[in-house]
Amino acid sequence: MSMEQRYQVLGGVLAAGLLAIAGRLVHIQVVKHEVLSALAERRQTTEHRLEPLRGDIVDRNGETLAISVPAWSLYAHPRRMSDEQKNALCAILATYDLQDRCARLDRDRPFVWLGRNLPADLLEGLPEALRPLAEVAGLRPGYLRR
């Protein structure tokens, strides 16, 4: 095989490789665009609704007419919780005579209410492990204020 033939074979192999890469790029960018865009959106975007704290209602002289009284609700996602987390939460609920709510954690549901209009000191006693959004929400993640 002469040197010129070797160069032609090498050029053909390189051209075939570049054509294969270009074909794959077209397949990803054009053919699978919708599927891959939806997958990327699901992986990169998470929405968390954060309720703002309401201020007092005052008259023009600054006298308070109405204040907001926080009423806290506690919920859980039993499917996402480990048995250790469920036991820790049940121990805290038991100190407030709410141990009957622990049975709700054994249900195979994605979401359960554990209580509404709960005292703030109960919610302060929850460890960080039971508050997965602490770094996002800052105030009281895992609780709803009504």
N, C-alpha and C. Protein backbone atom coordinates (compact mmCIF):
# COMPACT_ATOMS: atom_id res chain seq x y z
N MET A 1 0.86 -1.17 0.00
CA MET A 1 0.00 0.00 0.00
C MET A 1 0.90 1.23 0.00
N SER A 2 0.61 2.12 -0.92
CA SER A 2 1.45 3.31 -1.03
C SER A 2 1.05 4.34 0.02
N MET A 3 1.89 5.33 0.16
CA MET A 3 1.64 6.37 1.15
C MET A 3 0.37 7.16 0.80
N GLU A 4 0.12 7.38 -0.46
CA GLU A 4 -1.07 8.12 -0.88
C GLU A 4 -2.34 7.34 -0.54
N GLN A 5 -2.32 6.04 -0.68
CA GLN A 5 -3.47 5.21 -0.34
C GLN A 5 -3.71 5.22 1.17
N ARG A 6 -2.64 5.22 1.92
CA ARG A 6 -2.78 5.28 3.39
C ARG A 6 -3.45 6.59 3.81
N TYR A 7 -3.04 7.68 3.17
CA TYR A 7 -3.66 8.98 3.48
C TYR A 7 -5.14 8.98 3.09
N GLN A 8 -5.48 8.35 2.01
CA GLN A 8 -6.88 8.29 1.59
C GLN A 8 -7.70 7.45 2.58
N VAL A 9 -7.16 6.35 3.02
CA VAL A 9 -7.86 5.51 4.01
C VAL A 9 -8.03 6.28 5.32
N LEU A 10 -6.95 6.93 5.76
CA LEU A 10 -7.02 7.72 7.00
C LEU A 10 -8.04 8.84 6.87
N GLY A 11 -8.04 9.52 5.73
CA GLY A 11 -9.02 10.59 5.49
C GLY A 11 -10.43 10.05 5.47
N GLY A 12 -10.63 8.88 4.88
CA GLY A 12 -11.96 8.26 4.86
C GLY A 12 -12.44 7.89 6.25
N VAL A 13 -11.54 7.34 7.06
CA VAL A 13 -11.90 6.97 8.45
C VAL A 13 -12.25 8.22 9.26
N LEU A 14 -11.45 9.26 9.12
CA LEU A 14 -11.74 10.52 9.84
C LEU A 14 -13.05 11.13 9.37
N ALA A 15 -13.30 11.11 8.06
CA ALA A 15 -14.55 11.65 7.53
C ALA A 15 -15.75 10.85 8.05
N ALA A 16 -15.63 9.53 8.10
CA ALA A 16 -16.71 8.69 8.61
C ALA A 16 -16.95 8.97 10.09
N GLY A 17 -15.88 9.15 10.85
CA GLY A 17 -16.02 9.47 12.28
C GLY A 17 -16.70 10.81 12.49
N LEU A 18 -16.28 11.82 11.73
CA LEU A 18 -16.91 13.14 11.85
C LEU A 18 -18.37 13.10 11.41
N LEU A 19 -18.67 12.33 10.39
CA LEU A 19 -20.05 12.18 9.94
C LEU A 19 -20.91 11.50 11.01
N ALA A 20 -20.35 10.50 11.67
CA ALA A 20 -21.08 9.81 12.75
C ALA A 20 -21.34 10.76 13.92
N ILE A 21 -20.36 11.57 14.27
CA ILE A 21 -20.53 12.54 15.36
C ILE A 21 -21.57 13.58 14.97
N ALA A 22 -21.49 14.08 13.74
CA ALA A 22 -22.47 15.08 13.28
C ALA A 22 -23.87 14.49 13.26
N GLY A 23 -24.00 13.23 12.84
CA GLY A 23 -25.30 12.58 12.84
C GLY A 23 -25.87 12.44 14.24
N ARG A 24 -25.03 12.09 15.18
CA ARG A 24 -25.48 11.97 16.58
C ARG A 24 -25.91 13.32 17.14
N LEU A 25 -25.16 14.36 16.82
CA LEU A 25 -25.53 15.70 17.28
C LEU A 25 -26.87 16.14 16.70
N VAL A 26 -27.10 15.87 15.42
CA VAL A 26 -28.39 16.20 14.80
C VAL A 26 -29.50 15.40 15.48
N HIS A 27 -29.25 14.13 15.75
CA HIS A 27 -30.26 13.30 16.41
C HIS A 27 -30.62 13.87 17.79
N ILE A 28 -29.63 14.27 18.56
CA ILE A 28 -29.88 14.80 19.91
C ILE A 28 -30.55 16.17 19.84
N GLN A 29 -30.06 17.05 18.98
CA GLN A 29 -30.55 18.43 18.93
C GLN A 29 -31.90 18.56 18.23
N VAL A 30 -32.17 17.73 17.25
CA VAL A 30 -33.39 17.89 16.45
C VAL A 30 -34.43 16.84 16.80
N VAL A 31 -34.06 15.58 16.74
CA VAL A 31 -35.03 14.51 16.91
C VAL A 31 -35.48 14.37 18.36
N LYS A 32 -34.55 14.37 19.30
CA LYS A 32 -34.88 14.15 20.71
C LYS A 32 -34.97 15.44 21.51
N HIS A 33 -35.11 16.57 20.84
CA HIS A 33 -35.11 17.87 21.52
C HIS A 33 -36.21 17.98 22.58
N GLU A 34 -37.44 17.65 22.23
CA GLU A 34 -38.57 17.80 23.16
C GLU A 34 -38.40 16.93 24.41
N VAL A 35 -38.04 15.68 24.21
CA VAL A 35 -37.89 14.75 25.33
C VAL A 35 -36.78 15.20 26.27
N LEU A 36 -35.65 15.57 25.70
CA LEU A 36 -34.50 15.96 26.53
C LEU A 36 -34.73 17.31 27.21
N SER A 37 -35.44 18.22 26.55
CA SER A 37 -35.76 19.51 27.18
C SER A 37 -36.68 19.31 28.38
N ALA A 38 -37.68 18.47 28.24
CA ALA A 38 -38.59 18.19 29.35
C ALA A 38 -37.85 17.53 30.51
N LEU A 39 -36.97 16.61 30.21
CA LEU A 39 -36.18 15.95 31.25
C LEU A 39 -35.29 16.95 31.98
N ALA A 40 -34.64 17.82 31.25
CA ALA A 40 -33.78 18.82 31.87
C ALA A 40 -34.59 19.78 32.73
N GLU A 41 -35.76 20.17 32.28
CA GLU A 41 -36.60 21.09 33.04
C GLU A 41 -37.03 20.47 34.36
N ARG A 42 -37.41 19.19 34.33
CA ARG A 42 -37.82 18.51 35.56
C ARG A 42 -36.67 18.40 36.55
N ARG A 43 -35.47 18.18 36.06
CA ARG A 43 -34.31 18.00 36.96
C ARG A 43 -33.79 19.32 37.51
N GLN A 44 -33.97 20.41 36.79
CA GLN A 44 -33.36 21.67 37.17
C GLN A 44 -34.30 22.61 37.91
N THR A 45 -35.60 22.39 37.82
CA THR A 45 -36.55 23.35 38.36
C THR A 45 -37.38 22.71 39.46
N THR A 46 -37.43 23.37 40.59
CA THR A 46 -38.29 22.97 41.69
C THR A 46 -38.98 24.22 42.20
N GLU A 47 -40.28 24.14 42.37
CA GLU A 47 -41.03 25.29 42.85
C GLU A 47 -41.44 25.06 44.30
N HIS A 48 -41.22 26.06 45.11
CA HIS A 48 -41.66 26.05 46.50
C HIS A 48 -42.39 27.36 46.74
N ARG A 49 -43.63 27.27 47.16
CA ARG A 49 -44.40 28.47 47.43
C ARG A 49 -44.11 28.90 48.87
N LEU A 50 -43.65 30.11 49.04
CA LEU A 50 -43.34 30.65 50.35
C LEU A 50 -44.33 31.76 50.67
N GLU A 51 -45.07 31.57 51.72
CA GLU A 51 -46.07 32.56 52.12
C GLU A 51 -45.39 33.72 52.83
N PRO A 52 -45.71 34.95 52.45
CA PRO A 52 -45.12 36.10 53.14
C PRO A 52 -45.78 36.31 54.50
N LEU A 53 -45.04 36.92 55.40
CA LEU A 53 -45.60 37.27 56.70
C LEU A 53 -46.42 38.54 56.54
N ARG A 54 -47.60 38.53 57.11
CA ARG A 54 -48.46 39.71 57.01
C ARG A 54 -48.11 40.68 58.13
N GLY A 55 -48.18 41.93 57.82
CA GLY A 55 -47.91 42.96 58.81
C GLY A 55 -49.18 43.39 59.52
N ASP A 56 -49.03 44.23 60.52
CA ASP A 56 -50.18 44.76 61.25
C ASP A 56 -50.91 45.78 60.38
N ILE A 57 -52.20 45.91 60.65
CA ILE A 57 -52.99 46.94 59.99
C ILE A 57 -53.09 48.10 60.97
N VAL A 58 -52.64 49.27 60.52
CA VAL A 58 -52.62 50.45 61.39
C VAL A 58 -53.40 51.58 60.74
N ASP A 59 -53.85 52.51 61.57
CA ASP A 59 -54.53 53.68 61.02
C ASP A 59 -53.50 54.74 60.66
N ARG A 60 -53.96 55.91 60.26
CA ARG A 60 -53.04 56.94 59.80
C ARG A 60 -52.16 57.49 60.90
N ASN A 61 -52.53 57.28 62.16
CA ASN A 61 -51.72 57.74 63.29
C ASN A 61 -50.75 56.66 63.78
N GLY A 62 -50.78 55.51 63.17
CA GLY A 62 -49.88 54.44 63.57
C GLY A 62 -50.45 53.54 64.64
N GLU A 63 -51.70 53.74 65.03
CA GLU A 63 -52.34 52.88 66.03
C GLU A 63 -52.73 51.55 65.38
N THR A 64 -52.46 50.48 66.09
CA THR A 64 -52.74 49.15 65.55
C THR A 64 -54.24 48.88 65.57
N LEU A 65 -54.77 48.52 64.41
CA LEU A 65 -56.18 48.17 64.30
C LEU A 65 -56.38 46.66 64.29
N ALA A 66 -55.45 45.95 63.68
CA ALA A 66 -55.54 44.49 63.60
C ALA A 66 -54.13 43.91 63.50
N ILE A 67 -53.96 42.76 64.11
CA ILE A 67 -52.67 42.07 64.03
C ILE A 67 -52.89 40.68 63.45
N SER A 68 -51.84 40.13 62.91
CA SER A 68 -51.90 38.76 62.40
C SER A 68 -51.48 37.81 63.52
N VAL A 69 -52.30 36.82 63.75
CA VAL A 69 -51.99 35.80 64.74
C VAL A 69 -51.64 34.52 63.98
N PRO A 70 -50.40 34.08 64.08
CA PRO A 70 -50.02 32.89 63.31
C PRO A 70 -50.69 31.63 63.86
N ALA A 71 -51.17 30.83 62.94
CA ALA A 71 -51.72 29.52 63.27
C ALA A 71 -50.95 28.53 62.40
N TRP A 72 -50.25 27.63 63.03
CA TRP A 72 -49.35 26.73 62.31
C TRP A 72 -50.00 25.39 62.05
N SER A 73 -49.71 24.87 60.88
CA SER A 73 -50.17 23.53 60.50
C SER A 73 -48.94 22.68 60.21
N LEU A 74 -49.03 21.42 60.56
CA LEU A 74 -47.91 20.51 60.36
C LEU A 74 -48.34 19.39 59.42
N TYR A 75 -47.51 19.12 58.43
CA TYR A 75 -47.78 18.05 57.49
C TYR A 75 -46.54 17.21 57.31
N ALA A 76 -46.72 16.07 56.66
CA ALA A 76 -45.59 15.18 56.41
C ALA A 76 -45.79 14.48 55.07
N HIS A 77 -44.68 14.01 54.53
CA HIS A 77 -44.67 13.18 53.33
C HIS A 77 -44.18 11.80 53.75
N PRO A 78 -45.08 10.91 54.18
CA PRO A 78 -44.65 9.62 54.73
C PRO A 78 -43.80 8.78 53.78
N ARG A 79 -44.05 8.86 52.49
CA ARG A 79 -43.27 8.05 51.55
C ARG A 79 -41.82 8.51 51.49
N ARG A 80 -41.56 9.75 51.80
CA ARG A 80 -40.20 10.30 51.74
C ARG A 80 -39.46 10.18 53.07
N MET A 81 -40.15 9.81 54.13
CA MET A 81 -39.55 9.78 55.47
C MET A 81 -39.02 8.40 55.80
N SER A 82 -37.88 8.37 56.48
CA SER A 82 -37.35 7.10 56.96
C SER A 82 -38.06 6.74 58.26
N ASP A 83 -37.92 5.50 58.69
CA ASP A 83 -38.53 5.07 59.95
C ASP A 83 -37.96 5.86 61.12
N GLU A 84 -36.68 6.19 61.05
CA GLU A 84 -36.04 6.97 62.11
C GLU A 84 -36.68 8.36 62.21
N GLN A 85 -36.95 8.99 61.09
CA GLN A 85 -37.59 10.31 61.11
C GLN A 85 -39.02 10.21 61.62
N LYS A 86 -39.73 9.17 61.22
CA LYS A 86 -41.11 8.99 61.70
C LYS A 86 -41.13 8.80 63.22
N ASN A 87 -40.20 8.01 63.75
CA ASN A 87 -40.14 7.78 65.20
C ASN A 87 -39.79 9.06 65.94
N ALA A 88 -38.87 9.86 65.40
CA ALA A 88 -38.52 11.13 66.05
C ALA A 88 -39.71 12.07 66.07
N LEU A 89 -40.44 12.13 64.98
CA LEU A 89 -41.62 12.99 64.92
C LEU A 89 -42.70 12.51 65.88
N CYS A 90 -42.89 11.21 65.97
CA CYS A 90 -43.89 10.66 66.90
C CYS A 90 -43.53 10.96 68.35
N ALA A 91 -42.24 10.94 68.67
CA ALA A 91 -41.81 11.25 70.04
C ALA A 91 -42.15 12.70 70.38
N ILE A 92 -41.95 13.60 69.43
CA ILE A 92 -42.27 15.01 69.67
C ILE A 92 -43.77 15.19 69.79
N LEU A 93 -44.54 14.54 68.92
CA LEU A 93 -46.00 14.66 68.98
C LEU A 93 -46.55 14.09 70.28
N ALA A 94 -45.91 13.05 70.81
CA ALA A 94 -46.38 12.43 72.05
C ALA A 94 -46.26 13.38 73.23
N THR A 95 -45.27 14.27 73.22
CA THR A 95 -45.13 15.22 74.33
C THR A 95 -46.25 16.24 74.35
N TYR A 96 -46.99 16.37 73.26
CA TYR A 96 -48.11 17.31 73.18
C TYR A 96 -49.44 16.58 73.09
N ASP A 97 -49.48 15.34 73.54
CA ASP A 97 -50.69 14.51 73.51
C ASP A 97 -51.28 14.40 72.10
N LEU A 98 -50.42 14.29 71.13
CA LEU A 98 -50.86 14.15 69.75
C LEU A 98 -50.38 12.82 69.15
N GLN A 99 -50.13 11.81 70.03
CA GLN A 99 -49.59 10.55 69.55
C GLN A 99 -50.56 9.83 68.62
N ASP A 100 -51.86 10.14 68.69
CA ASP A 100 -52.81 9.51 67.77
C ASP A 100 -52.54 9.90 66.32
N ARG A 101 -51.85 11.00 66.11
CA ARG A 101 -51.52 11.46 64.75
C ARG A 101 -50.41 10.60 64.12
N CYS A 102 -49.68 9.85 64.94
CA CYS A 102 -48.57 9.03 64.42
C CYS A 102 -49.09 7.92 63.50
N ALA A 103 -50.31 7.48 63.73
CA ALA A 103 -50.88 6.43 62.87
C ALA A 103 -50.99 6.90 61.43
N ARG A 104 -51.14 8.20 61.23
CA ARG A 104 -51.24 8.74 59.87
C ARG A 104 -49.94 8.57 59.10
N LEU A 105 -48.82 8.49 59.82
CA LEU A 105 -47.53 8.34 59.15
C LEU A 105 -47.34 6.94 58.56
N ASP A 106 -48.13 5.98 59.04
CA ASP A 106 -48.01 4.61 58.54
C ASP A 106 -48.80 4.39 57.25
N ARG A 107 -49.61 5.36 56.87
CA ARG A 107 -50.38 5.23 55.64
C ARG A 107 -49.45 5.36 54.43
N ASP A 108 -49.83 4.68 53.39
CA ASP A 108 -49.03 4.75 52.15
C ASP A 108 -49.58 5.89 51.29
N ARG A 109 -49.37 7.10 51.75
CA ARG A 109 -49.82 8.28 51.03
C ARG A 109 -48.65 9.23 50.83
N PRO A 110 -48.73 10.04 49.78
CA PRO A 110 -47.64 11.00 49.56
C PRO A 110 -47.70 12.20 50.49
N PHE A 111 -48.87 12.47 51.11
CA PHE A 111 -49.03 13.68 51.92
C PHE A 111 -50.08 13.43 52.99
N VAL A 112 -49.80 13.81 54.24
CA VAL A 112 -50.79 13.72 55.32
C VAL A 112 -50.70 14.96 56.20
N TRP A 113 -51.85 15.41 56.66
CA TRP A 113 -51.89 16.48 57.66
C TRP A 113 -51.71 15.86 59.03
N LEU A 114 -50.84 16.45 59.84
CA LEU A 114 -50.64 15.96 61.21
C LEU A 114 -51.32 16.86 62.23
N GLY A 115 -51.61 18.06 61.85
CA GLY A 115 -52.30 18.95 62.77
C GLY A 115 -52.43 20.35 62.20
N ARG A 116 -53.44 21.05 62.71
CA ARG A 116 -53.66 22.44 62.32
C ARG A 116 -53.84 23.25 63.59
N ASN A 117 -53.53 24.53 63.49
CA ASN A 117 -53.60 25.44 64.64
C ASN A 117 -52.77 24.92 65.82
N LEU A 118 -51.56 24.52 65.52
CA LEU A 118 -50.67 23.96 66.54
C LEU A 118 -49.88 25.07 67.22
N PRO A 119 -49.46 24.84 68.47
CA PRO A 119 -48.64 25.85 69.16
C PRO A 119 -47.26 25.98 68.53
N ALA A 120 -46.72 27.18 68.56
CA ALA A 120 -45.42 27.45 67.93
C ALA A 120 -44.30 26.67 68.62
N ASP A 121 -44.40 26.44 69.93
CA ASP A 121 -43.31 25.74 70.62
C ASP A 121 -43.19 24.28 70.16
N LEU A 122 -44.28 23.67 69.72
CA LEU A 122 -44.19 22.32 69.17
C LEU A 122 -43.35 22.33 67.90
N LEU A 123 -43.56 23.31 67.07
CA LEU A 123 -42.84 23.39 65.81
C LEU A 123 -41.38 23.76 66.02
N GLU A 124 -41.08 24.51 67.05
CA GLU A 124 -39.69 24.85 67.36
C GLU A 124 -38.91 23.62 67.78
N GLY A 125 -39.60 22.62 68.35
CA GLY A 125 -38.93 21.42 68.83
C GLY A 125 -38.56 20.43 67.74
N LEU A 126 -39.01 20.66 66.53
CA LEU A 126 -38.68 19.72 65.46
C LEU A 126 -37.22 19.86 65.06
N PRO A 127 -36.50 18.76 64.98
CA PRO A 127 -35.09 18.83 64.57
C PRO A 127 -34.96 19.18 63.10
N GLU A 128 -33.76 19.64 62.73
CA GLU A 128 -33.49 20.05 61.35
C GLU A 128 -33.70 18.90 60.36
N ALA A 129 -33.48 17.66 60.81
CA ALA A 129 -33.63 16.53 59.90
C ALA A 129 -35.06 16.39 59.40
N LEU A 130 -36.01 16.90 60.17
CA LEU A 130 -37.41 16.82 59.77
C LEU A 130 -37.85 18.05 59.00
N ARG A 131 -36.94 18.98 58.74
CA ARG A 131 -37.27 20.20 57.99
C ARG A 131 -36.37 20.27 56.76
N PRO A 132 -36.76 19.61 55.69
CA PRO A 132 -35.87 19.48 54.53
C PRO A 132 -35.60 20.77 53.78
N LEU A 133 -36.41 21.80 53.92
CA LEU A 133 -36.23 23.03 53.15
C LEU A 133 -35.69 24.17 54.00
N ALA A 134 -34.99 23.85 55.06
CA ALA A 134 -34.52 24.90 55.96
C ALA A 134 -33.65 25.92 55.27
N GLU A 135 -32.80 25.48 54.34
CA GLU A 135 -31.91 26.42 53.68
C GLU A 135 -32.62 27.26 52.63
N VAL A 136 -33.79 26.83 52.18
CA VAL A 136 -34.51 27.57 51.14
C VAL A 136 -35.44 28.60 51.76
N ALA A 137 -36.30 28.15 52.66
CA ALA A 137 -37.35 29.02 53.17
C ALA A 137 -36.90 29.88 54.33
N GLY A 138 -36.02 29.38 55.14
CA GLY A 138 -35.48 30.19 56.23
C GLY A 138 -36.38 30.25 57.44
N LEU A 139 -37.63 30.62 57.30
CA LEU A 139 -38.48 30.83 58.46
C LEU A 139 -38.93 29.51 59.09
N ARG A 140 -39.90 28.89 58.49
CA ARG A 140 -40.42 27.64 59.04
C ARG A 140 -40.76 26.66 57.92
N PRO A 141 -39.76 26.13 57.26
CA PRO A 141 -40.06 25.19 56.20
C PRO A 141 -40.68 23.92 56.75
N GLY A 142 -41.59 23.36 56.01
CA GLY A 142 -42.28 22.17 56.46
C GLY A 142 -43.56 22.48 57.20
N TYR A 143 -43.83 23.74 57.39
CA TYR A 143 -45.05 24.14 58.08
C TYR A 143 -45.82 25.10 57.19
N LEU A 144 -47.12 25.11 57.36
CA LEU A 144 -47.95 26.09 56.68
C LEU A 144 -48.50 27.04 57.72
N ARG A 145 -48.48 28.30 57.40
CA ARG A 145 -49.02 29.31 58.31
C ARG A 145 -50.34 29.77 57.74
N ARG A 146 -51.37 29.74 58.55
CA ARG A 146 -52.69 30.18 58.08
C ARG A 146 -53.23 31.23 59.01
